[in-house]
Amino acid sequence: QLELVESGGGLVQPGGSLRLSCTSPGLTLYLNNIAWFRQAPGKEREGVSAIDNSDDDTYYADSVKDRFTISRDIAKNTVHLQMNSLKPEDTAVYYCAAAHVISSDQAYLKPDDYDYWGQGAQVTVSS
């Protein structure tokens, strides 16, 4: 099954941490470019972080740089998003996405090139 499954969302206080995980029963994630997007109510889907399938180069939105870290666990066919120093504005549904080919460096955090998407995991940052 060429689907992605997210886990690890939940409710956390400001300043806290969460780790999201993305896995797939049928897709080999290390062969794909993987990204995390998020969408808050009333807002457009936003690219958060991505990791490419050649050199494992990573990409981050300015809003999460130095707080979020994307990584691969090849043995578990999983990509993680470690989120630290969480803020209320990080509240959103987080989606994992996979792409065979990304058209340019500028496209890693845009949804257009991504072929497969998960159902999303809710992250709520609130006291």
Foldseek 3Di string as FASTA:
>chain_A
DPAKAKDWADEAAAQAKIKMKIADPPDQQLLWKKWKWWDDPPDDIWTAKIFGNPPRDMDGDPVQPPFWDWDDDNVRSMIMIIGGRDDQVVWTWMKMFTANDADDPVRSTPDPRTDYMHPTGTHGYHD
